[in-house]
Amino acid sequence: MAIAPPISAPQQNIIASFSVAGPGHRLNKEDIPALIDQVKNAASRISIKLGG
């Protein structure tokens, strides 16, 4: 399983992405929504620092 949010720059242009990946059997289904939120928040913070 992998989660890969976009990273935006000014004008909301997508300039990059990063991913968090791991074997599906190690992720509890109940934990996935929180992990998605954490990864999306990290991408948002990076985008803000880049002016996106």
PDB file of N, CA and C in Angstrom:
ATOM      1  N   MET A   1       0.836  -1.160   0.000  1.00  0.00           N
ATOM      2  CA  MET A   1       0.000   0.000   0.000  1.00  0.00           C
ATOM      3  C   MET A   1       0.888   1.232   0.000  1.00  0.00           C
ATOM      4  N   ALA A   2       0.460   2.267  -0.711  1.00  0.00           N
ATOM      5  CA  ALA A   2       1.206   3.521  -0.741  1.00  0.00           C
ATOM      6  C   ALA A   2       0.230   4.692  -0.731  1.00  0.00           C
ATOM      7  N   ILE A   3       0.659   5.777  -0.118  1.00  0.00           N
ATOM      8  CA  ILE A   3      -0.096   7.024  -0.110  1.00  0.00           C
ATOM      9  C   ILE A   3       0.845   8.077  -0.691  1.00  0.00           C
ATOM     10  N   ALA A   4       0.398   8.816  -1.717  1.00  0.00           N
ATOM     11  CA  ALA A   4       1.275   9.772  -2.390  1.00  0.00           C
ATOM     12  C   ALA A   4       0.516  11.063  -2.699  1.00  0.00           C
ATOM     13  N   PRO A   5       0.567  12.037  -1.807  1.00  0.00           N
ATOM     14  CA  PRO A   5      -0.131  13.302  -2.055  1.00  0.00           C
ATOM     15  C   PRO A   5       0.709  14.237  -2.933  1.00  0.00           C
ATOM     16  N   PRO A   6       0.041  15.154  -3.641  1.00  0.00           N
ATOM     17  CA  PRO A   6       0.781  16.122  -4.452  1.00  0.00           C
ATOM     18  C   PRO A   6       1.342  17.246  -3.590  1.00  0.00           C
ATOM     19  N   ILE A   7       2.407  17.869  -4.084  1.00  0.00           N
ATOM     20  CA  ILE A   7       2.988  19.063  -3.466  1.00  0.00           C
ATOM     21  C   ILE A   7       2.868  20.173  -4.495  1.00  0.00           C
ATOM     22  N   SER A   8       2.257  21.281  -4.066  1.00  0.00           N
ATOM     23  CA  SER A   8       1.988  22.392  -4.971  1.00  0.00           C
ATOM     24  C   SER A   8       2.939  23.549  -4.726  1.00  0.00           C
ATOM     25  N   ALA A   9       3.147  24.325  -5.793  1.00  0.00           N
ATOM     26  CA  ALA A   9       3.929  25.552  -5.721  1.00  0.00           C
ATOM     27  C   ALA A   9       2.964  26.710  -5.996  1.00  0.00           C
ATOM     28  N   PRO A  10       3.491  27.919  -6.104  1.00  0.00           N
ATOM     29  CA  PRO A  10       2.608  29.043  -6.427  1.00  0.00           C
ATOM     30  C   PRO A  10       1.742  28.741  -7.652  1.00  0.00           C
ATOM     31  N   GLN A  11       0.587  29.355  -7.699  1.00  0.00           N
ATOM     32  CA  GLN A  11      -0.396  29.152  -8.764  1.00  0.00           C
ATOM     33  C   GLN A  11      -1.018  27.756  -8.707  1.00  0.00           C
ATOM     34  N   GLN A  12      -0.802  27.036  -7.602  1.00  0.00           N
ATOM     35  CA  GLN A  12      -1.354  25.692  -7.400  1.00  0.00           C
ATOM     36  C   GLN A  12      -0.858  24.668  -8.420  1.00  0.00           C
ATOM     37  N   ASN A  13       0.289  24.920  -9.026  1.00  0.00           N
ATOM     38  CA  ASN A  13       0.896  23.944  -9.933  1.00  0.00           C
ATOM     39  C   ASN A  13       1.486  22.809  -9.111  1.00  0.00           C
ATOM     40  N   ILE A  14       1.193  21.589  -9.497  1.00  0.00           N
ATOM     41  CA  ILE A  14       1.770  20.434  -8.817  1.00  0.00           C
ATOM     42  C   ILE A  14       3.199  20.270  -9.315  1.00  0.00           C
ATOM     43  N   ILE A  15       4.143  20.289  -8.378  1.00  0.00           N
ATOM     44  CA  ILE A  15       5.554  20.216  -8.770  1.00  0.00           C
ATOM     45  C   ILE A  15       6.248  18.960  -8.277  1.00  0.00           C
ATOM     46  N   ALA A  16       5.618  18.257  -7.333  1.00  0.00           N
ATOM     47  CA  ALA A  16       6.272  17.072  -6.772  1.00  0.00           C
ATOM     48  C   ALA A  16       5.241  16.222  -6.040  1.00  0.00           C
ATOM     49  N   SER A  17       5.720  15.125  -5.562  1.00  0.00           N
ATOM     50  CA  SER A  17       4.928  14.237  -4.727  1.00  0.00           C
ATOM     51  C   SER A  17       5.909  13.454  -3.858  1.00  0.00           C
ATOM     52  N   PHE A  18       5.429  12.905  -2.797  1.00  0.00           N
ATOM     53  CA  PHE A  18       6.229  11.961  -2.029  1.00  0.00           C
ATOM     54  C   PHE A  18       5.301  10.843  -1.609  1.00  0.00           C
ATOM     55  N   SER A  19       5.848   9.740  -1.249  1.00  0.00           N
ATOM     56  CA  SER A  19       4.983   8.624  -0.875  1.00  0.00           C
ATOM     57  C   SER A  19       5.437   7.989   0.430  1.00  0.00           C
ATOM     58  N   VAL A  20       4.464   7.408   1.073  1.00  0.00           N
ATOM     59  CA  VAL A  20       4.696   6.572   2.246  1.00  0.00           C
ATOM     60  C   VAL A  20       4.159   5.209   1.854  1.00  0.00           C
ATOM     61  N   ALA A  21       5.000   4.201   1.937  1.00  0.00           N
ATOM     62  CA  ALA A  21       4.594   2.876   1.484  1.00  0.00           C
ATOM     63  C   ALA A  21       4.962   1.821   2.514  1.00  0.00           C
ATOM     64  N   GLY A  22       4.204   0.766   2.494  1.00  0.00           N
ATOM     65  CA  GLY A  22       4.486  -0.348   3.383  1.00  0.00           C
ATOM     66  C   GLY A  22       3.629  -1.540   3.003  1.00  0.00           C
ATOM     67  N   PRO A  23       3.960  -2.686   3.511  1.00  0.00           N
ATOM     68  CA  PRO A  23       3.168  -3.878   3.202  1.00  0.00           C
ATOM     69  C   PRO A  23       1.768  -3.768   3.797  1.00  0.00           C
ATOM     70  N   GLY A  24       0.782  -4.091   3.000  1.00  0.00           N
ATOM     71  CA  GLY A  24      -0.603  -3.992   3.441  1.00  0.00           C
ATOM     72  C   GLY A  24      -0.922  -4.775   4.696  1.00  0.00           C
ATOM     73  N   HIS A  25      -0.266  -5.887   4.884  1.00  0.00           N
ATOM     74  CA  HIS A  25      -0.568  -6.719   6.053  1.00  0.00           C
ATOM     75  C   HIS A  25      -0.084  -6.095   7.363  1.00  0.00           C
ATOM     76  N   ARG A  26       0.761  -5.053   7.267  1.00  0.00           N
ATOM     77  CA  ARG A  26       1.259  -4.400   8.484  1.00  0.00           C
ATOM     78  C   ARG A  26       0.418  -3.194   8.886  1.00  0.00           C
ATOM     79  N   LEU A  27      -0.526  -2.811   8.016  1.00  0.00           N
ATOM     80  CA  LEU A  27      -1.376  -1.667   8.303  1.00  0.00           C
ATOM     81  C   LEU A  27      -2.754  -2.135   8.745  1.00  0.00           C
ATOM     82  N   ASN A  28      -3.162  -1.659   9.887  1.00  0.00           N
ATOM     83  CA  ASN A  28      -4.486  -1.966  10.393  1.00  0.00           C
ATOM     84  C   ASN A  28      -5.493  -1.075   9.670  1.00  0.00           C
ATOM     85  N   LYS A  29      -6.610  -1.637   9.209  1.00  0.00           N
ATOM     86  CA  LYS A  29      -7.598  -0.858   8.457  1.00  0.00           C
ATOM     87  C   LYS A  29      -8.084   0.364   9.233  1.00  0.00           C
ATOM     88  N   GLU A  30      -8.139   0.260  10.527  1.00  0.00           N
ATOM     89  CA  GLU A  30      -8.603   1.379  11.351  1.00  0.00           C
ATOM     90  C   GLU A  30      -7.573   2.515  11.390  1.00  0.00           C
ATOM     91  N   ASP A  31      -6.311   2.208  11.144  1.00  0.00           N
ATOM     92  CA  ASP A  31      -5.248   3.213  11.201  1.00  0.00           C
ATOM     93  C   ASP A  31      -5.063   3.969   9.881  1.00  0.00           C
ATOM     94  N   ILE A  32      -5.579   3.433   8.794  1.00  0.00           N
ATOM     95  CA  ILE A  32      -5.334   4.015   7.478  1.00  0.00           C
ATOM     96  C   ILE A  32      -5.876   5.449   7.356  1.00  0.00           C
ATOM     97  N   PRO A  33      -7.106   5.761   7.780  1.00  0.00           N
ATOM     98  CA  PRO A  33      -7.566   7.154   7.656  1.00  0.00           C
ATOM     99  C   PRO A  33      -6.664   8.158   8.385  1.00  0.00           C
ATOM    100  N   ALA A  34      -6.175   7.816   9.563  1.00  0.00           N
ATOM    101  CA  ALA A  34      -5.278   8.717  10.293  1.00  0.00           C
ATOM    102  C   ALA A  34      -3.951   8.864   9.564  1.00  0.00           C
ATOM    103  N   LEU A  35      -3.443   7.793   8.990  1.00  0.00           N
ATOM    104  CA  LEU A  35      -2.195   7.858   8.234  1.00  0.00           C
ATOM    105  C   LEU A  35      -2.360   8.741   7.002  1.00  0.00           C
ATOM    106  N   ILE A  36      -3.471   8.597   6.304  1.00  0.00           N
ATOM    107  CA  ILE A  36      -3.754   9.440   5.145  1.00  0.00           C
ATOM    108  C   ILE A  36      -3.780  10.911   5.557  1.00  0.00           C
ATOM    109  N   ASP A  37      -4.458  11.220   6.665  1.00  0.00           N
ATOM    110  CA  ASP A  37      -4.517  12.604   7.150  1.00  0.00           C
ATOM    111  C   ASP A  37      -3.128  13.147   7.466  1.00  0.00           C
ATOM    112  N   GLN A  38      -2.301  12.348   8.105  1.00  0.00           N
ATOM    113  CA  GLN A  38      -0.952  12.797   8.455  1.00  0.00           C
ATOM    114  C   GLN A  38      -0.117  13.087   7.208  1.00  0.00           C
ATOM    115  N   VAL A  39      -0.217  12.221   6.217  1.00  0.00           N
ATOM    116  CA  VAL A  39       0.562  12.404   4.987  1.00  0.00           C
ATOM    117  C   VAL A  39       0.052  13.622   4.212  1.00  0.00           C
ATOM    118  N   LYS A  40      -1.274  13.791   4.139  1.00  0.00           N
ATOM    119  CA  LYS A  40      -1.836  14.958   3.463  1.00  0.00           C
ATOM    120  C   LYS A  40      -1.442  16.243   4.181  1.00  0.00           C
ATOM    121  N   ASN A  41      -1.428  16.238   5.491  1.00  0.00           N
ATOM    122  CA  ASN A  41      -1.026  17.418   6.247  1.00  0.00           C
ATOM    123  C   ASN A  41       0.444  17.750   6.004  1.00  0.00           C
ATOM    124  N   ALA A  42       1.287  16.741   5.931  1.00  0.00           N
ATOM    125  CA  ALA A  42       2.703  16.973   5.649  1.00  0.00           C
ATOM    126  C   ALA A  42       2.872  17.589   4.257  1.00  0.00           C
ATOM    127  N   ALA A  43       2.151  17.079   3.276  1.00  0.00           N
ATOM    128  CA  ALA A  43       2.230  17.633   1.921  1.00  0.00           C
ATOM    129  C   ALA A  43       1.740  19.073   1.904  1.00  0.00           C
ATOM    130  N   SER A  44       0.701  19.350   2.648  1.00  0.00           N
ATOM    131  CA  SER A  44       0.179  20.713   2.728  1.00  0.00           C
ATOM    132  C   SER A  44       1.202  21.662   3.343  1.00  0.00           C
ATOM    133  N   ARG A  45       1.859  21.241   4.409  1.00  0.00           N
ATOM    134  CA  ARG A  45       2.885  22.086   5.044  1.00  0.00           C
ATOM    135  C   ARG A  45       4.047  22.360   4.096  1.00  0.00           C
ATOM    136  N   ILE A  46       4.456  21.350   3.339  1.00  0.00           N
ATOM    137  CA  ILE A  46       5.533  21.546   2.358  1.00  0.00           C
ATOM    138  C   ILE A  46       5.082  22.537   1.293  1.00  0.00           C
ATOM    139  N   SER A  47       3.853  22.359   0.792  1.00  0.00           N
ATOM    140  CA  SER A  47       3.327  23.252  -0.236  1.00  0.00           C
ATOM    141  C   SER A  47       3.292  24.693   0.246  1.00  0.00           C
ATOM    142  N   ILE A  48       2.859  24.896   1.485  1.00  0.00           N
ATOM    143  CA  ILE A  48       2.791  26.249   2.046  1.00  0.00           C
ATOM    144  C   ILE A  48       4.175  26.867   2.101  1.00  0.00           C
ATOM    145  N   LYS A  49       5.167  26.098   2.519  1.00  0.00           N
ATOM    146  CA  LYS A  49       6.544  26.614   2.589  1.00  0.00           C
ATOM    147  C   LYS A  49       7.081  26.986   1.207  1.00  0.00           C
ATOM    148  N   LEU A  50       6.583  26.320   0.181  1.00  0.00           N
ATOM    149  CA  LEU A  50       7.001  26.614  -1.190  1.00  0.00           C
ATOM    150  C   LEU A  50       6.177  27.730  -1.816  1.00  0.00           C
ATOM    151  N   GLY A  51       5.207  28.232  -1.088  1.00  0.00           N
ATOM    152  CA  GLY A  51       4.363  29.311  -1.593  1.00  0.00           C
ATOM    153  C   GLY A  51       3.135  28.830  -2.327  1.00  0.00           C
ATOM    154  N   GLY A  52       2.840  27.554  -2.225  1.00  0.00           N
ATOM    155  CA  GLY A  52       1.683  26.983  -2.917  1.00  0.00           C
ATOM    156  C   GLY A  52       0.439  26.985  -2.093  1.00  0.00           C
TER     157      GLY A  52
END
